[in-house]
N, C-alpha and C. Protein backbone atom coordinates (compact mmCIF):
# COMPACT_ATOMS: atom_id res chain seq x y z
N MET A 1 -27.72 131.30 -73.91
CA MET A 1 -28.28 132.63 -74.06
C MET A 1 -27.16 133.65 -73.79
N LYS A 2 -27.14 134.67 -74.60
CA LYS A 2 -26.10 135.68 -74.49
C LYS A 2 -26.67 137.02 -74.05
N THR A 3 -25.78 137.89 -73.57
CA THR A 3 -26.22 139.23 -73.19
C THR A 3 -26.76 139.92 -74.44
N GLY A 4 -27.74 140.79 -74.18
CA GLY A 4 -28.37 141.53 -75.27
C GLY A 4 -29.59 140.84 -75.85
N LYS A 5 -29.80 139.57 -75.48
CA LYS A 5 -30.96 138.82 -75.98
C LYS A 5 -32.15 139.00 -75.04
N LYS A 6 -33.33 138.91 -75.60
CA LYS A 6 -34.56 138.96 -74.79
C LYS A 6 -34.68 137.64 -74.02
N ALA A 7 -34.97 137.75 -72.73
CA ALA A 7 -35.15 136.56 -71.90
C ALA A 7 -36.48 135.90 -72.25
N PRO A 8 -36.47 134.59 -72.50
CA PRO A 8 -37.73 133.90 -72.80
C PRO A 8 -38.71 133.99 -71.63
N ASP A 9 -39.97 134.26 -71.94
CA ASP A 9 -41.00 134.27 -70.90
C ASP A 9 -41.33 132.84 -70.52
N PHE A 10 -41.82 132.64 -69.31
CA PHE A 10 -42.17 131.30 -68.86
C PHE A 10 -43.14 131.38 -67.70
N THR A 11 -43.80 130.27 -67.45
CA THR A 11 -44.64 130.10 -66.27
C THR A 11 -44.26 128.77 -65.64
N LEU A 12 -43.94 128.82 -64.33
CA LEU A 12 -43.58 127.61 -63.59
C LEU A 12 -44.20 127.66 -62.20
N PRO A 13 -44.46 126.49 -61.60
CA PRO A 13 -44.92 126.48 -60.21
C PRO A 13 -43.82 126.99 -59.28
N SER A 14 -44.25 127.72 -58.25
CA SER A 14 -43.33 128.38 -57.32
C SER A 14 -43.57 127.92 -55.89
N THR A 15 -42.54 128.05 -55.07
CA THR A 15 -42.68 127.72 -53.65
C THR A 15 -43.62 128.69 -52.93
N SER A 16 -44.06 129.75 -53.61
CA SER A 16 -45.06 130.65 -53.02
C SER A 16 -46.44 130.00 -53.02
N GLY A 17 -46.60 128.91 -53.78
CA GLY A 17 -47.89 128.25 -53.89
C GLY A 17 -48.66 128.67 -55.13
N LYS A 18 -48.13 129.65 -55.85
CA LYS A 18 -48.76 130.13 -57.08
C LYS A 18 -47.82 129.87 -58.25
N ASP A 19 -48.40 129.90 -59.44
CA ASP A 19 -47.56 129.84 -60.62
C ASP A 19 -46.86 131.19 -60.79
N PHE A 20 -45.62 131.14 -61.22
CA PHE A 20 -44.82 132.34 -61.45
C PHE A 20 -44.66 132.51 -62.95
N THR A 21 -45.09 133.68 -63.45
CA THR A 21 -44.91 134.03 -64.86
C THR A 21 -43.97 135.22 -64.91
N LEU A 22 -42.85 135.06 -65.58
CA LEU A 22 -41.82 136.10 -65.62
C LEU A 22 -42.39 137.44 -66.06
N SER A 23 -43.13 137.46 -67.17
CA SER A 23 -43.63 138.73 -67.72
C SER A 23 -44.63 139.42 -66.80
N LYS A 24 -45.29 138.67 -65.93
CA LYS A 24 -46.26 139.27 -65.00
C LYS A 24 -45.59 139.65 -63.67
N GLU A 25 -44.91 138.69 -63.07
CA GLU A 25 -44.35 138.89 -61.73
C GLU A 25 -43.18 139.88 -61.72
N CYS A 26 -42.47 139.97 -62.82
CA CYS A 26 -41.31 140.87 -62.90
C CYS A 26 -41.52 141.96 -63.95
N LYS A 27 -42.77 142.31 -64.21
CA LYS A 27 -43.05 143.36 -65.20
C LYS A 27 -42.38 144.66 -64.76
N GLY A 28 -41.53 145.21 -65.64
CA GLY A 28 -40.84 146.46 -65.34
C GLY A 28 -39.76 146.35 -64.27
N LYS A 29 -39.38 145.13 -63.93
CA LYS A 29 -38.39 144.89 -62.87
C LYS A 29 -37.23 144.05 -63.40
N ALA A 30 -36.05 144.36 -62.92
CA ALA A 30 -34.91 143.49 -63.17
C ALA A 30 -35.04 142.27 -62.27
N CYS A 31 -34.34 141.19 -62.59
CA CYS A 31 -34.34 140.02 -61.73
C CYS A 31 -33.09 139.18 -61.97
N ILE A 32 -32.82 138.31 -61.01
CA ILE A 32 -31.74 137.34 -61.11
C ILE A 32 -32.41 135.97 -61.21
N ILE A 33 -32.04 135.21 -62.24
CA ILE A 33 -32.52 133.84 -62.37
C ILE A 33 -31.30 132.92 -62.36
N TYR A 34 -31.28 132.02 -61.40
CA TYR A 34 -30.16 131.08 -61.39
C TYR A 34 -30.68 129.65 -61.54
N PHE A 35 -30.05 128.92 -62.43
CA PHE A 35 -30.37 127.52 -62.67
C PHE A 35 -29.32 126.69 -61.95
N TYR A 36 -29.77 125.57 -61.39
CA TYR A 36 -28.84 124.72 -60.65
C TYR A 36 -29.28 123.26 -60.77
N PRO A 37 -28.35 122.32 -60.60
CA PRO A 37 -28.66 120.91 -60.84
C PRO A 37 -29.67 120.26 -59.88
N LYS A 38 -29.45 120.38 -58.56
CA LYS A 38 -30.28 119.58 -57.65
C LYS A 38 -30.26 120.10 -56.23
N ASP A 39 -31.46 120.18 -55.62
CA ASP A 39 -31.59 120.54 -54.22
C ASP A 39 -30.82 119.55 -53.34
N PHE A 40 -30.30 120.05 -52.23
CA PHE A 40 -29.64 119.26 -51.19
C PHE A 40 -28.29 118.66 -51.60
N THR A 41 -27.75 119.04 -52.75
CA THR A 41 -26.40 118.60 -53.09
C THR A 41 -25.43 119.67 -52.58
N LYS A 42 -24.19 119.30 -52.40
CA LYS A 42 -23.22 120.16 -51.73
C LYS A 42 -23.07 121.55 -52.39
N VAL A 43 -22.76 121.60 -53.67
CA VAL A 43 -22.51 122.89 -54.31
C VAL A 43 -23.81 123.67 -54.50
N CYS A 44 -24.91 122.98 -54.79
CA CYS A 44 -26.20 123.67 -54.96
C CYS A 44 -26.67 124.28 -53.63
N THR A 45 -26.44 123.57 -52.55
CA THR A 45 -26.81 124.09 -51.24
C THR A 45 -25.94 125.31 -50.90
N ALA A 46 -24.65 125.23 -51.18
CA ALA A 46 -23.75 126.36 -50.94
C ALA A 46 -24.18 127.58 -51.75
N GLU A 47 -24.55 127.35 -53.01
CA GLU A 47 -24.98 128.46 -53.87
C GLU A 47 -26.26 129.10 -53.34
N ALA A 48 -27.25 128.28 -52.98
CA ALA A 48 -28.51 128.81 -52.44
C ALA A 48 -28.25 129.60 -51.16
N CYS A 49 -27.37 129.09 -50.31
CA CYS A 49 -27.05 129.78 -49.05
C CYS A 49 -26.28 131.07 -49.31
N ASP A 50 -25.45 131.10 -50.35
CA ASP A 50 -24.76 132.35 -50.72
C ASP A 50 -25.77 133.40 -51.18
N PHE A 51 -26.73 133.00 -52.00
CA PHE A 51 -27.78 133.94 -52.41
C PHE A 51 -28.58 134.39 -51.20
N ARG A 52 -28.86 133.48 -50.27
CA ARG A 52 -29.58 133.84 -49.04
C ARG A 52 -28.78 134.85 -48.22
N ASP A 53 -27.49 134.57 -48.05
CA ASP A 53 -26.65 135.42 -47.20
C ASP A 53 -26.42 136.81 -47.80
N GLN A 54 -26.49 136.92 -49.11
CA GLN A 54 -26.30 138.21 -49.79
C GLN A 54 -27.63 138.80 -50.29
N PHE A 55 -28.73 138.24 -49.85
CA PHE A 55 -30.05 138.59 -50.36
C PHE A 55 -30.37 140.08 -50.19
N ALA A 56 -29.93 140.69 -49.12
CA ALA A 56 -30.23 142.11 -48.87
C ALA A 56 -29.76 142.99 -50.02
N ALA A 57 -28.63 142.66 -50.64
CA ALA A 57 -28.11 143.46 -51.76
C ALA A 57 -29.12 143.50 -52.91
N PHE A 58 -29.80 142.39 -53.14
CA PHE A 58 -30.79 142.32 -54.22
C PHE A 58 -32.12 142.93 -53.77
N ARG A 59 -32.54 142.57 -52.56
CA ARG A 59 -33.81 143.08 -52.02
C ARG A 59 -33.82 144.60 -51.96
N ASP A 60 -32.71 145.18 -51.51
CA ASP A 60 -32.64 146.64 -51.37
C ASP A 60 -32.81 147.36 -52.70
N LEU A 61 -32.50 146.69 -53.81
CA LEU A 61 -32.67 147.28 -55.14
C LEU A 61 -33.93 146.75 -55.82
N ASP A 62 -34.76 146.03 -55.07
CA ASP A 62 -36.01 145.45 -55.56
C ASP A 62 -35.77 144.54 -56.76
N ILE A 63 -34.75 143.69 -56.63
CA ILE A 63 -34.40 142.73 -57.69
C ILE A 63 -34.69 141.33 -57.15
N PRO A 64 -35.77 140.71 -57.61
CA PRO A 64 -36.08 139.35 -57.16
C PRO A 64 -35.00 138.36 -57.59
N VAL A 65 -34.78 137.36 -56.74
CA VAL A 65 -33.88 136.25 -57.03
C VAL A 65 -34.76 135.02 -57.18
N LEU A 66 -34.54 134.26 -58.25
CA LEU A 66 -35.33 133.06 -58.52
C LEU A 66 -34.40 131.89 -58.80
N GLY A 67 -34.58 130.80 -58.08
CA GLY A 67 -33.80 129.60 -58.32
C GLY A 67 -34.64 128.59 -59.08
N ILE A 68 -34.08 128.00 -60.13
CA ILE A 68 -34.81 127.03 -60.95
C ILE A 68 -33.99 125.74 -61.09
N SER A 69 -34.65 124.62 -60.81
CA SER A 69 -34.07 123.30 -61.09
C SER A 69 -35.21 122.39 -61.54
N ARG A 70 -34.86 121.15 -61.82
CA ARG A 70 -35.88 120.19 -62.25
C ARG A 70 -36.47 119.42 -61.07
N ASP A 71 -36.09 119.79 -59.85
CA ASP A 71 -36.66 119.13 -58.67
C ASP A 71 -38.17 119.39 -58.60
N ASP A 72 -38.88 118.46 -57.96
CA ASP A 72 -40.33 118.66 -57.80
C ASP A 72 -40.59 119.67 -56.68
N MET A 73 -41.84 120.10 -56.59
CA MET A 73 -42.19 121.16 -55.63
C MET A 73 -42.01 120.70 -54.19
N ALA A 74 -42.32 119.46 -53.87
CA ALA A 74 -42.16 118.97 -52.50
C ALA A 74 -40.69 119.07 -52.06
N THR A 75 -39.78 118.72 -52.95
CA THR A 75 -38.34 118.82 -52.64
C THR A 75 -37.94 120.28 -52.48
N HIS A 76 -38.41 121.14 -53.38
CA HIS A 76 -38.12 122.58 -53.28
C HIS A 76 -38.60 123.15 -51.95
N LEU A 77 -39.80 122.78 -51.54
CA LEU A 77 -40.35 123.31 -50.29
C LEU A 77 -39.51 122.88 -49.09
N ARG A 78 -39.07 121.63 -49.07
CA ARG A 78 -38.20 121.16 -47.97
C ARG A 78 -36.87 121.90 -48.00
N PHE A 79 -36.29 122.07 -49.18
CA PHE A 79 -35.01 122.75 -49.35
C PHE A 79 -35.11 124.20 -48.88
N LYS A 80 -36.15 124.89 -49.32
CA LYS A 80 -36.35 126.30 -48.94
C LYS A 80 -36.50 126.44 -47.42
N LYS A 81 -37.28 125.54 -46.83
CA LYS A 81 -37.52 125.61 -45.39
C LYS A 81 -36.25 125.28 -44.60
N GLU A 82 -35.56 124.21 -44.98
CA GLU A 82 -34.37 123.79 -44.23
C GLU A 82 -33.28 124.84 -44.23
N TYR A 83 -33.11 125.54 -45.34
CA TYR A 83 -32.03 126.53 -45.45
C TYR A 83 -32.52 127.97 -45.35
N LYS A 84 -33.80 128.13 -44.98
CA LYS A 84 -34.37 129.45 -44.75
C LYS A 84 -34.10 130.41 -45.91
N LEU A 85 -34.46 129.96 -47.10
CA LEU A 85 -34.22 130.76 -48.30
C LEU A 85 -35.29 131.83 -48.45
N PRO A 86 -34.90 133.10 -48.57
CA PRO A 86 -35.87 134.20 -48.63
C PRO A 86 -36.37 134.51 -50.04
N PHE A 87 -36.09 133.64 -50.99
CA PHE A 87 -36.50 133.85 -52.37
C PHE A 87 -37.22 132.60 -52.87
N GLU A 88 -37.89 132.75 -54.00
CA GLU A 88 -38.68 131.65 -54.54
C GLU A 88 -37.83 130.67 -55.33
N LEU A 89 -38.22 129.41 -55.23
CA LEU A 89 -37.67 128.35 -56.06
C LEU A 89 -38.77 127.93 -57.02
N LEU A 90 -38.41 127.72 -58.27
CA LEU A 90 -39.37 127.34 -59.30
C LEU A 90 -39.05 125.94 -59.79
N SER A 91 -40.08 125.15 -60.02
CA SER A 91 -39.92 123.76 -60.43
C SER A 91 -40.13 123.61 -61.93
N ASP A 92 -39.09 123.18 -62.61
CA ASP A 92 -39.12 122.96 -64.06
C ASP A 92 -38.90 121.46 -64.31
N GLU A 93 -39.84 120.64 -63.86
CA GLU A 93 -39.67 119.18 -63.91
C GLU A 93 -39.43 118.66 -65.32
N LYS A 94 -40.07 119.25 -66.32
CA LYS A 94 -39.89 118.78 -67.70
C LYS A 94 -38.61 119.34 -68.34
N GLY A 95 -38.06 120.39 -67.75
CA GLY A 95 -36.82 120.96 -68.27
C GLY A 95 -37.01 121.93 -69.43
N ASN A 96 -38.25 122.32 -69.72
CA ASN A 96 -38.51 123.20 -70.87
C ASN A 96 -37.91 124.59 -70.70
N VAL A 97 -38.02 125.14 -69.49
CA VAL A 97 -37.48 126.48 -69.25
C VAL A 97 -35.95 126.40 -69.21
N CYS A 98 -35.42 125.38 -68.56
CA CYS A 98 -33.96 125.18 -68.56
C CYS A 98 -33.45 125.13 -70.00
N ASN A 99 -34.16 124.42 -70.85
CA ASN A 99 -33.77 124.29 -72.25
C ASN A 99 -33.83 125.64 -72.97
N ALA A 100 -34.89 126.41 -72.72
CA ALA A 100 -35.05 127.72 -73.36
C ALA A 100 -33.91 128.67 -72.98
N TYR A 101 -33.36 128.50 -71.78
CA TYR A 101 -32.28 129.35 -71.30
C TYR A 101 -30.90 128.71 -71.50
N ASP A 102 -30.84 127.69 -72.33
CA ASP A 102 -29.59 126.99 -72.60
C ASP A 102 -28.93 126.54 -71.30
N ALA A 103 -29.76 126.01 -70.40
CA ALA A 103 -29.28 125.63 -69.08
C ALA A 103 -29.41 124.13 -68.83
N LEU A 104 -29.42 123.33 -69.89
CA LEU A 104 -29.47 121.88 -69.72
C LEU A 104 -28.22 121.23 -70.30
N ILE A 105 -27.67 120.30 -69.56
CA ILE A 105 -26.53 119.54 -70.07
C ILE A 105 -27.10 118.53 -71.07
N PRO A 106 -26.60 118.54 -72.30
CA PRO A 106 -27.13 117.61 -73.31
C PRO A 106 -27.04 116.15 -72.85
N LEU A 107 -27.92 115.36 -73.36
CA LEU A 107 -28.04 113.92 -73.10
C LEU A 107 -28.57 113.61 -71.70
N ILE A 108 -27.88 114.07 -70.65
CA ILE A 108 -28.36 113.73 -69.30
C ILE A 108 -29.47 114.67 -68.82
N ARG A 109 -29.64 115.80 -69.50
CA ARG A 109 -30.72 116.75 -69.24
C ARG A 109 -30.80 117.21 -67.77
N VAL A 110 -29.65 117.38 -67.18
CA VAL A 110 -29.54 117.96 -65.83
C VAL A 110 -29.23 119.43 -66.02
N PRO A 111 -29.85 120.31 -65.21
CA PRO A 111 -29.56 121.73 -65.36
C PRO A 111 -28.09 122.06 -65.09
N LYS A 112 -27.57 122.99 -65.88
CA LYS A 112 -26.24 123.55 -65.65
C LYS A 112 -26.34 124.53 -64.49
N ARG A 113 -25.21 124.89 -63.94
CA ARG A 113 -25.16 125.97 -62.94
C ARG A 113 -24.86 127.25 -63.72
N ILE A 114 -25.93 128.01 -63.98
CA ILE A 114 -25.80 129.23 -64.78
C ILE A 114 -26.74 130.29 -64.21
N THR A 115 -26.26 131.51 -64.15
CA THR A 115 -27.01 132.60 -63.55
C THR A 115 -27.14 133.75 -64.55
N TYR A 116 -28.35 134.30 -64.61
CA TYR A 116 -28.64 135.41 -65.52
C TYR A 116 -29.09 136.64 -64.73
N PHE A 117 -28.58 137.80 -65.16
CA PHE A 117 -29.13 139.07 -64.69
C PHE A 117 -29.96 139.62 -65.85
N ILE A 118 -31.24 139.83 -65.58
CA ILE A 118 -32.18 140.30 -66.60
C ILE A 118 -32.65 141.69 -66.19
N ASP A 119 -32.57 142.65 -67.10
CA ASP A 119 -32.96 144.02 -66.76
C ASP A 119 -34.47 144.21 -66.77
N GLN A 120 -34.92 145.44 -66.49
CA GLN A 120 -36.35 145.73 -66.37
C GLN A 120 -37.11 145.54 -67.69
N ASP A 121 -36.41 145.52 -68.81
CA ASP A 121 -37.04 145.26 -70.11
C ASP A 121 -36.91 143.78 -70.49
N HIS A 122 -36.38 142.99 -69.57
CA HIS A 122 -36.18 141.54 -69.73
C HIS A 122 -35.17 141.20 -70.82
N ILE A 123 -34.16 142.07 -70.91
CA ILE A 123 -33.01 141.82 -71.77
C ILE A 123 -31.90 141.27 -70.87
N ILE A 124 -31.24 140.22 -71.31
CA ILE A 124 -30.17 139.62 -70.52
C ILE A 124 -28.97 140.56 -70.53
N GLN A 125 -28.58 141.00 -69.33
CA GLN A 125 -27.47 141.93 -69.17
C GLN A 125 -26.22 141.28 -68.61
N GLY A 126 -26.37 140.08 -68.08
CA GLY A 126 -25.21 139.39 -67.53
C GLY A 126 -25.46 137.90 -67.43
N VAL A 127 -24.41 137.12 -67.68
CA VAL A 127 -24.48 135.66 -67.59
C VAL A 127 -23.21 135.18 -66.90
N PHE A 128 -23.38 134.27 -65.94
CA PHE A 128 -22.21 133.64 -65.33
C PHE A 128 -22.49 132.15 -65.25
N SER A 129 -21.55 131.35 -65.76
CA SER A 129 -21.72 129.90 -65.79
C SER A 129 -20.47 129.24 -65.25
N ASP A 130 -20.64 128.39 -64.23
CA ASP A 130 -19.55 127.60 -63.68
C ASP A 130 -20.19 126.49 -62.85
N MET A 131 -20.00 125.27 -63.27
CA MET A 131 -20.65 124.13 -62.60
C MET A 131 -20.14 123.89 -61.19
N PHE A 132 -18.89 124.22 -60.90
CA PHE A 132 -18.30 123.80 -59.64
C PHE A 132 -18.05 124.94 -58.66
N GLU A 133 -18.25 126.16 -59.09
CA GLU A 133 -17.99 127.33 -58.24
C GLU A 133 -19.32 128.00 -57.92
N SER A 134 -19.73 127.95 -56.67
CA SER A 134 -21.03 128.53 -56.32
C SER A 134 -20.92 130.01 -55.93
N LYS A 135 -19.91 130.37 -55.17
CA LYS A 135 -19.79 131.74 -54.65
C LYS A 135 -19.67 132.79 -55.75
N LYS A 136 -18.97 132.46 -56.82
CA LYS A 136 -18.75 133.40 -57.91
C LYS A 136 -20.06 133.84 -58.57
N HIS A 137 -21.07 132.98 -58.57
CA HIS A 137 -22.35 133.33 -59.17
C HIS A 137 -22.93 134.56 -58.48
N VAL A 138 -22.94 134.53 -57.16
CA VAL A 138 -23.49 135.64 -56.38
C VAL A 138 -22.59 136.87 -56.53
N GLU A 139 -21.28 136.69 -56.41
CA GLU A 139 -20.34 137.81 -56.53
C GLU A 139 -20.49 138.52 -57.87
N GLU A 140 -20.61 137.75 -58.95
CA GLU A 140 -20.73 138.36 -60.30
C GLU A 140 -22.04 139.12 -60.44
N MET A 141 -23.13 138.60 -59.86
CA MET A 141 -24.41 139.30 -59.95
C MET A 141 -24.39 140.58 -59.13
N ILE A 142 -23.73 140.57 -57.98
CA ILE A 142 -23.63 141.78 -57.16
C ILE A 142 -22.83 142.84 -57.91
N LYS A 143 -21.75 142.44 -58.59
CA LYS A 143 -20.99 143.41 -59.39
C LYS A 143 -21.87 144.07 -60.45
N LEU A 144 -22.75 143.28 -61.07
CA LEU A 144 -23.62 143.81 -62.13
C LEU A 144 -24.69 144.78 -61.62
N ILE A 145 -25.19 144.56 -60.41
CA ILE A 145 -26.29 145.39 -59.93
C ILE A 145 -25.83 146.63 -59.17
N LYS A 146 -24.58 146.63 -58.72
CA LYS A 146 -24.09 147.79 -57.97
C LYS A 146 -24.02 149.02 -58.88
N PRO A 147 -24.59 150.13 -58.41
CA PRO A 147 -24.55 151.36 -59.24
C PRO A 147 -23.15 151.93 -59.35
């Protein structure tokens, strides 16, 4: 997915206990959606903790942060609790949303590490992709949201 494109709408189960629908939950709001391979792995944990540690920058501008992987909800709930993540994790077990956002590695169907900044009209305004660098994802999104 490239900047300037409309972000695909989706509904996925959330660690909030409710289903999350992008067009409803973020209506008229910008948001950060980051896709990542797997809970409790070294780089994914570092990335989630970086988003946690910089969360105030997003919260202060009322920009929700959403993490999406193919992990099941039980794993997401343990991950969120263990690392005290202040944002929702969404479970895309079938990989359909990952696929819609061009966030699946072909053949092995594991999510890529890719982050999107979506504006209030749900147009993609920023994309950062790097499988091995977690900190840059947060840094690049902060650059995009700073006035």
